[in-house]
PDB file of N, CA and C in Angstrom:
ATOM      1  N   MET A   1     102.342  32.451  65.427  1.00  0.00           N
ATOM      2  CA  MET A   1     103.782  31.882  64.396  1.00  0.00           C
ATOM      3  C   MET A   1     102.638  31.140  63.428  1.00  0.00           C
ATOM      4  N   ALA A   2     103.154  32.451  62.452  1.00  0.00           N
ATOM      5  CA  ALA A   2     102.983  31.596  60.655  1.00  0.00           C
ATOM      6  C   ALA A   2     102.701  30.592  60.503  1.00  0.00           C
ATOM      7  N   ARG A   3     102.197  30.220  60.179  1.00  0.00           N
ATOM      8  CA  ARG A   3     101.625  28.710  59.437  1.00  0.00           C
ATOM      9  C   ARG A   3     102.200  28.664  58.214  1.00  0.00           C
ATOM     10  N   LEU A   4     103.660  28.585  57.200  1.00  0.00           N
ATOM     11  CA  LEU A   4     104.030  28.508  56.230  1.00  0.00           C
ATOM     12  C   LEU A   4     103.623  26.797  55.407  1.00  0.00           C
ATOM     13  N   PHE A   5     103.695  25.971  56.400  1.00  0.00           N
ATOM     14  CA  PHE A   5     104.038  24.668  55.765  1.00  0.00           C
ATOM     15  C   PHE A   5     102.352  23.954  56.791  1.00  0.00           C
ATOM     16  N   ASP A   6     101.678  22.936  56.173  1.00  0.00           N
ATOM     17  CA  ASP A   6     100.795  22.280  56.390  1.00  0.00           C
ATOM     18  C   ASP A   6     101.485  20.847  57.796  1.00  0.00           C
ATOM     19  N   ASN A   7     101.045  21.228  58.545  1.00  0.00           N
ATOM     20  CA  ASN A   7     101.452  20.805  60.166  1.00  0.00           C
ATOM     21  C   ASN A   7     101.003  19.377  59.949  1.00  0.00           C
ATOM     22  N   THR A   8      99.563  18.391  59.212  1.00  0.00           N
ATOM     23  CA  THR A   8      99.779  17.651  59.280  1.00  0.00           C
ATOM     24  C   THR A   8     100.528  16.616  58.375  1.00  0.00           C
ATOM     25  N   ARG A   9     101.098  17.360  57.313  1.00  0.00           N
ATOM     26  CA  ARG A   9     101.578  17.118  55.986  1.00  0.00           C
ATOM     27  C   ARG A   9     103.145  16.370  55.676  1.00  0.00           C
ATOM     28  N   ALA A  10     103.428  15.684  55.306  1.00  0.00           N
ATOM     29  CA  ALA A  10     105.386  15.421  54.844  1.00  0.00           C
ATOM     30  C   ALA A  10     105.013  15.801  53.659  1.00  0.00           C
ATOM     31  N   TYR A  11     106.343  16.308  53.696  1.00  0.00           N
ATOM     32  CA  TYR A  11     106.935  17.222  52.333  1.00  0.00           C
ATOM     33  C   TYR A  11     108.479  16.148  52.040  1.00  0.00           C
ATOM     34  N   VAL A  12     107.999  15.850  50.665  1.00  0.00           N
ATOM     35  CA  VAL A  12     109.439  14.589  49.992  1.00  0.00           C
ATOM     36  C   VAL A  12     110.114  15.881  48.971  1.00  0.00           C
ATOM     37  N   LEU A  13     110.910  15.593  48.803  1.00  0.00           N
ATOM     38  CA  LEU A  13     112.225  16.013  47.628  1.00  0.00           C
ATOM     39  C   LEU A  13     111.365  16.720  46.212  1.00  0.00           C
ATOM     40  N   GLY A  14     110.970  17.431  46.039  1.00  0.00           N
ATOM     41  CA  GLY A  14     110.298  17.664  44.394  1.00  0.00           C
ATOM     42  C   GLY A  14     109.489  18.295  44.762  1.00  0.00           C
ATOM     43  N   ASP A  15     108.236  18.211  46.141  1.00  0.00           N
ATOM     44  CA  ASP A  15     107.273  18.662  46.264  1.00  0.00           C
ATOM     45  C   ASP A  15     107.659  20.114  46.030  1.00  0.00           C
ATOM     46  N   PRO A  16     106.583  20.853  45.330  1.00  0.00           N
ATOM     47  CA  PRO A  16     106.997  22.500  45.491  1.00  0.00           C
ATOM     48  C   PRO A  16     107.194  23.519  46.058  1.00  0.00           C
ATOM     49  N   GLU A  17     105.635  23.256  47.241  1.00  0.00           N
ATOM     50  CA  GLU A  17     106.169  23.884  48.914  1.00  0.00           C
ATOM     51  C   GLU A  17     107.749  23.944  49.287  1.00  0.00           C
ATOM     52  N   LEU A  18     108.859  23.253  49.085  1.00  0.00           N
ATOM     53  CA  LEU A  18     109.736  23.201  49.499  1.00  0.00           C
ATOM     54  C   LEU A  18     110.485  24.729  49.120  1.00  0.00           C
ATOM     55  N   GLU A  19     110.218  24.640  47.903  1.00  0.00           N
ATOM     56  CA  GLU A  19     111.009  25.883  47.053  1.00  0.00           C
ATOM     57  C   GLU A  19     111.175  27.078  47.909  1.00  0.00           C
ATOM     58  N   ILE A  20     109.891  26.907  48.670  1.00  0.00           N
ATOM     59  CA  ILE A  20     109.683  28.207  49.504  1.00  0.00           C
ATOM     60  C   ILE A  20     110.953  28.746  50.391  1.00  0.00           C
ATOM     61  N   ILE A  21     111.576  27.955  51.035  1.00  0.00           N
ATOM     62  CA  ILE A  21     112.791  27.619  51.777  1.00  0.00           C
ATOM     63  C   ILE A  21     114.298  27.196  50.953  1.00  0.00           C
ATOM     64  N   GLY A  22     113.915  26.883  50.135  1.00  0.00           N
ATOM     65  CA  GLY A  22     115.017  26.091  49.204  1.00  0.00           C
ATOM     66  C   GLY A  22     115.724  25.456  48.020  1.00  0.00           C
ATOM     67  N   ASN A  23     115.827  25.372  46.876  1.00  0.00           N
ATOM     68  CA  ASN A  23     116.157  24.237  46.386  1.00  0.00           C
ATOM     69  C   ASN A  23     116.579  23.473  46.426  1.00  0.00           C
ATOM     70  N   ARG A  24     116.443  21.806  45.569  1.00  0.00           N
ATOM     71  CA  ARG A  24     116.857  21.129  46.039  1.00  0.00           C
ATOM     72  C   ARG A  24     118.628  20.607  46.574  1.00  0.00           C
ATOM     73  N   GLU A  25     119.330  21.735  46.063  1.00  0.00           N
ATOM     74  CA  GLU A  25     120.408  21.597  46.190  1.00  0.00           C
ATOM     75  C   GLU A  25     120.673  22.581  47.470  1.00  0.00           C
ATOM     76  N   LYS A  26     119.773  23.539  47.888  1.00  0.00           N
ATOM     77  CA  LYS A  26     120.339  24.197  48.616  1.00  0.00           C
ATOM     78  C   LYS A  26     119.951  23.420  50.256  1.00  0.00           C
ATOM     79  N   LEU A  27     118.860  22.027  49.997  1.00  0.00           N
ATOM     80  CA  LEU A  27     118.529  21.638  51.388  1.00  0.00           C
ATOM     81  C   LEU A  27     119.439  20.439  51.324  1.00  0.00           C
ATOM     82  N   ALA A  28     119.840  20.096  50.192  1.00  0.00           N
ATOM     83  CA  ALA A  28     120.837  19.365  50.714  1.00  0.00           C
ATOM     84  C   ALA A  28     122.585  19.764  51.440  1.00  0.00           C
ATOM     85  N   GLN A  29     122.533  20.948  50.908  1.00  0.00           N
ATOM     86  CA  GLN A  29     123.501  21.828  51.601  1.00  0.00           C
ATOM     87  C   GLN A  29     123.454  21.597  53.101  1.00  0.00           C
ATOM     88  N   TRP A  30     122.383  21.900  53.501  1.00  0.00           N
ATOM     89  CA  TRP A  30     121.968  22.547  54.624  1.00  0.00           C
ATOM     90  C   TRP A  30     122.057  20.927  55.336  1.00  0.00           C
ATOM     91  N   ARG A  31     121.353  20.059  55.035  1.00  0.00           N
ATOM     92  CA  ARG A  31     120.975  18.474  55.661  1.00  0.00           C
ATOM     93  C   ARG A  31     123.332  17.739  55.682  1.00  0.00           C
ATOM     94  N   HIS A  32     123.553  18.505  54.842  1.00  0.00           N
ATOM     95  CA  HIS A  32     124.962  17.896  54.442  1.00  0.00           C
ATOM     96  C   HIS A  32     125.399  18.839  56.088  1.00  0.00           C
ATOM     97  N   ARG A  33     125.595  19.579  56.238  1.00  0.00           N
ATOM     98  CA  ARG A  33     125.969  21.124  57.679  1.00  0.00           C
ATOM     99  C   ARG A  33     125.021  20.285  58.582  1.00  0.00           C
ATOM    100  N   GLY A  34     124.365  20.105  58.609  1.00  0.00           N
ATOM    101  CA  GLY A  34     123.345  19.939  59.597  1.00  0.00           C
ATOM    102  C   GLY A  34     122.631  21.339  60.624  1.00  0.00           C
ATOM    103  N   THR A  35     122.660  22.024  58.955  1.00  0.00           N
ATOM    104  CA  THR A  35     122.138  23.185  59.779  1.00  0.00           C
ATOM    105  C   THR A  35     120.336  24.129  59.247  1.00  0.00           C
ATOM    106  N   GLY A  36     119.617  23.196  58.449  1.00  0.00           N
ATOM    107  CA  GLY A  36     118.540  23.358  57.598  1.00  0.00           C
ATOM    108  C   GLY A  36     117.393  22.008  58.702  1.00  0.00           C
ATOM    109  N   PRO A  37     116.143  22.547  58.467  1.00  0.00           N
ATOM    110  CA  PRO A  37     115.200  21.919  59.345  1.00  0.00           C
ATOM    111  C   PRO A  37     115.098  20.457  59.378  1.00  0.00           C
ATOM    112  N   ALA A  38     114.495  19.462  60.059  1.00  0.00           N
ATOM    113  CA  ALA A  38     114.767  18.576  60.537  1.00  0.00           C
ATOM    114  C   ALA A  38     114.172  17.615  59.549  1.00  0.00           C
ATOM    115  N   PHE A  39     114.741  16.402  59.595  1.00  0.00           N
ATOM    116  CA  PHE A  39     114.161  15.548  58.640  1.00  0.00           C
ATOM    117  C   PHE A  39     114.111  14.713  58.584  1.00  0.00           C
ATOM    118  N   TYR A  40     114.224  13.128  57.651  1.00  0.00           N
ATOM    119  CA  TYR A  40     113.663  11.793  58.317  1.00  0.00           C
ATOM    120  C   TYR A  40     114.502  11.070  57.197  1.00  0.00           C
ATOM    121  N   ARG A  41     115.071  10.320  57.266  1.00  0.00           N
ATOM    122  CA  ARG A  41     116.027   9.757  56.178  1.00  0.00           C
ATOM    123  C   ARG A  41     115.531   8.513  55.677  1.00  0.00           C
ATOM    124  N   LEU A  42     115.020   8.036  54.952  1.00  0.00           N
ATOM    125  CA  LEU A  42     114.464   6.202  54.854  1.00  0.00           C
ATOM    126  C   LEU A  42     115.015   5.723  53.638  1.00  0.00           C
ATOM    127  N   GLY A  43     115.832   5.663  53.593  1.00  0.00           N
ATOM    128  CA  GLY A  43     116.484   4.919  52.920  1.00  0.00           C
ATOM    129  C   GLY A  43     117.703   5.895  51.935  1.00  0.00           C
ATOM    130  N   ARG A  44     116.978   6.109  50.843  1.00  0.00           N
ATOM    131  CA  ARG A  44     117.396   7.692  49.705  1.00  0.00           C
ATOM    132  C   ARG A  44     116.762   8.430  50.102  1.00  0.00           C
ATOM    133  N   LYS A  45     115.493   8.050  50.261  1.00  0.00           N
ATOM    134  CA  LYS A  45     113.990   8.930  50.096  1.00  0.00           C
ATOM    135  C   LYS A  45     114.401  10.158  51.735  1.00  0.00           C
ATOM    136  N   ILE A  46     114.022  11.501  51.029  1.00  0.00           N
ATOM    137  CA  ILE A  46     114.010  12.590  52.248  1.00  0.00           C
ATOM    138  C   ILE A  46     112.479  13.041  52.640  1.00  0.00           C
ATOM    139  N   ILE A  47     112.529  13.271  53.643  1.00  0.00           N
ATOM    140  CA  ILE A  47     111.078  13.433  54.558  1.00  0.00           C
ATOM    141  C   ILE A  47     111.216  14.842  55.416  1.00  0.00           C
ATOM    142  N   TYR A  48     110.203  15.540  55.047  1.00  0.00           N
ATOM    143  CA  TYR A  48     110.727  16.615  56.035  1.00  0.00           C
ATOM    144  C   TYR A  48     109.023  16.799  56.163  1.00  0.00           C
ATOM    145  N   GLN A  49     108.635  16.960  57.597  1.00  0.00           N
ATOM    146  CA  GLN A  49     107.128  17.029  58.406  1.00  0.00           C
ATOM    147  C   GLN A  49     107.000  18.774  58.651  1.00  0.00           C
ATOM    148  N   GLY A  50     105.825  18.967  57.961  1.00  0.00           N
ATOM    149  CA  GLY A  50     105.604  20.362  58.383  1.00  0.00           C
ATOM    150  C   GLY A  50     105.796  20.636  59.625  1.00  0.00           C
ATOM    151  N   THR A  51     105.304  20.310  60.800  1.00  0.00           N
ATOM    152  CA  THR A  51     105.591  20.744  61.823  1.00  0.00           C
ATOM    153  C   THR A  51     106.861  21.338  62.511  1.00  0.00           C
ATOM    154  N   ASP A  52     108.277  20.131  61.488  1.00  0.00           N
ATOM    155  CA  ASP A  52     109.559  20.599  61.382  1.00  0.00           C
ATOM    156  C   ASP A  52     109.744  22.025  60.491  1.00  0.00           C
ATOM    157  N   LEU A  53     109.362  21.840  59.565  1.00  0.00           N
ATOM    158  CA  LEU A  53     109.083  23.329  58.727  1.00  0.00           C
ATOM    159  C   LEU A  53     108.977  24.767  59.206  1.00  0.00           C
ATOM    160  N   ASN A  54     107.638  24.493  59.577  1.00  0.00           N
ATOM    161  CA  ASN A  54     106.959  25.456  60.599  1.00  0.00           C
ATOM    162  C   ASN A  54     108.436  25.988  61.371  1.00  0.00           C
ATOM    163  N   ALA A  55     108.265  25.205  62.521  1.00  0.00           N
ATOM    164  CA  ALA A  55     109.520  25.405  63.808  1.00  0.00           C
ATOM    165  C   ALA A  55     110.695  26.319  63.179  1.00  0.00           C
ATOM    166  N   TRP A  56     111.492  25.753  61.678  1.00  0.00           N
ATOM    167  CA  TRP A  56     112.431  25.707  61.711  1.00  0.00           C
ATOM    168  C   TRP A  56     112.475  27.492  61.121  1.00  0.00           C
ATOM    169  N   ALA A  57     111.180  27.633  60.420  1.00  0.00           N
ATOM    170  CA  ALA A  57     110.932  28.641  59.685  1.00  0.00           C
ATOM    171  C   ALA A  57     111.105  29.647  60.609  1.00  0.00           C
ATOM    172  N   GLU A  58     110.261  29.364  61.826  1.00  0.00           N
ATOM    173  CA  GLU A  58     110.332  30.032  62.842  1.00  0.00           C
ATOM    174  C   GLU A  58     111.371  30.281  63.865  1.00  0.00           C
ATOM    175  N   ALA A  59     112.618  29.745  63.763  1.00  0.00           N
ATOM    176  CA  ALA A  59     113.476  29.994  64.512  1.00  0.00           C
ATOM    177  C   ALA A  59     114.129  30.930  63.935  1.00  0.00           C
ATOM    178  N   ASN A  60     113.910  30.838  62.738  1.00  0.00           N
ATOM    179  CA  ASN A  60     115.045  31.799  61.438  1.00  0.00           C
ATOM    180  C   ASN A  60     114.559  33.221  61.793  1.00  0.00           C
ATOM    181  N   ARG A  61     113.080  33.410  62.202  1.00  0.00           N
ATOM    182  CA  ARG A  61     112.409  35.015  61.599  1.00  0.00           C
ATOM    183  C   ARG A  61     113.386  35.904  61.923  1.00  0.00           C
ATOM    184  N   VAL A  62     113.318  36.434  61.327  1.00  0.00           N
ATOM    185  CA  VAL A  62     114.030  37.880  62.024  1.00  0.00           C
ATOM    186  C   VAL A  62     113.064  39.340  62.195  1.00  0.00           C
ATOM    187  N   GLU A  63     113.063  40.183  63.514  1.00  0.00           N
ATOM    188  CA  GLU A  63     112.156  40.995  63.950  1.00  0.00           C
ATOM    189  C   GLU A  63     112.907  42.288  63.415  1.00  0.00           C
ATOM    190  N   PRO A  64     112.277  43.259  62.814  1.00  0.00           N
ATOM    191  CA  PRO A  64     113.066  44.392  62.344  1.00  0.00           C
ATOM    192  C   PRO A  64     113.557  44.987  63.337  1.00  0.00           C
ATOM    193  N   THR A  65     114.183  45.946  63.577  1.00  0.00           N
ATOM    194  CA  THR A  65     114.658  46.855  64.345  1.00  0.00           C
ATOM    195  C   THR A  65     113.778  48.139  64.557  1.00  0.00           C
ATOM    196  N   GLY A  66     113.828  48.095  63.255  1.00  0.00           N
ATOM    197  CA  GLY A  66     113.214  49.978  63.378  1.00  0.00           C
ATOM    198  C   GLY A  66     113.832  50.954  63.297  1.00  0.00           C
ATOM    199  N   VAL A  67     115.163  51.256  63.459  1.00  0.00           N
ATOM    200  CA  VAL A  67     116.674  51.728  63.283  1.00  0.00           C
ATOM    201  C   VAL A  67     116.891  52.398  62.160  1.00  0.00           C
ATOM    202  N   ARG A  68     116.845  53.723  61.952  1.00  0.00           N
ATOM    203  CA  ARG A  68     117.198  54.059  60.587  1.00  0.00           C
ATOM    204  C   ARG A  68     118.127  54.642  60.435  1.00  0.00           C
ATOM    205  N   ASN A  69     119.027  54.932  59.690  1.00  0.00           N
ATOM    206  CA  ASN A  69     120.668  55.437  59.385  1.00  0.00           C
ATOM    207  C   ASN A  69     119.887  57.060  58.868  1.00  0.00           C
TER     208      ASN A  69
END
């Protein structure tokens, strides 16, 4: 499993590292739909744990099939 994010770090909206998976609007859409990475809501603050971001990224990994037309 590749680590795209630091497992020991908490990420908040506005952190440039989050741009790897989506901009603020995309992350908000995913939170609303319940489809994005796990997060904490503390008041109005949204916090993502590095371990949750890495787990979500791994779950969305696509393995190429190697089939050519």
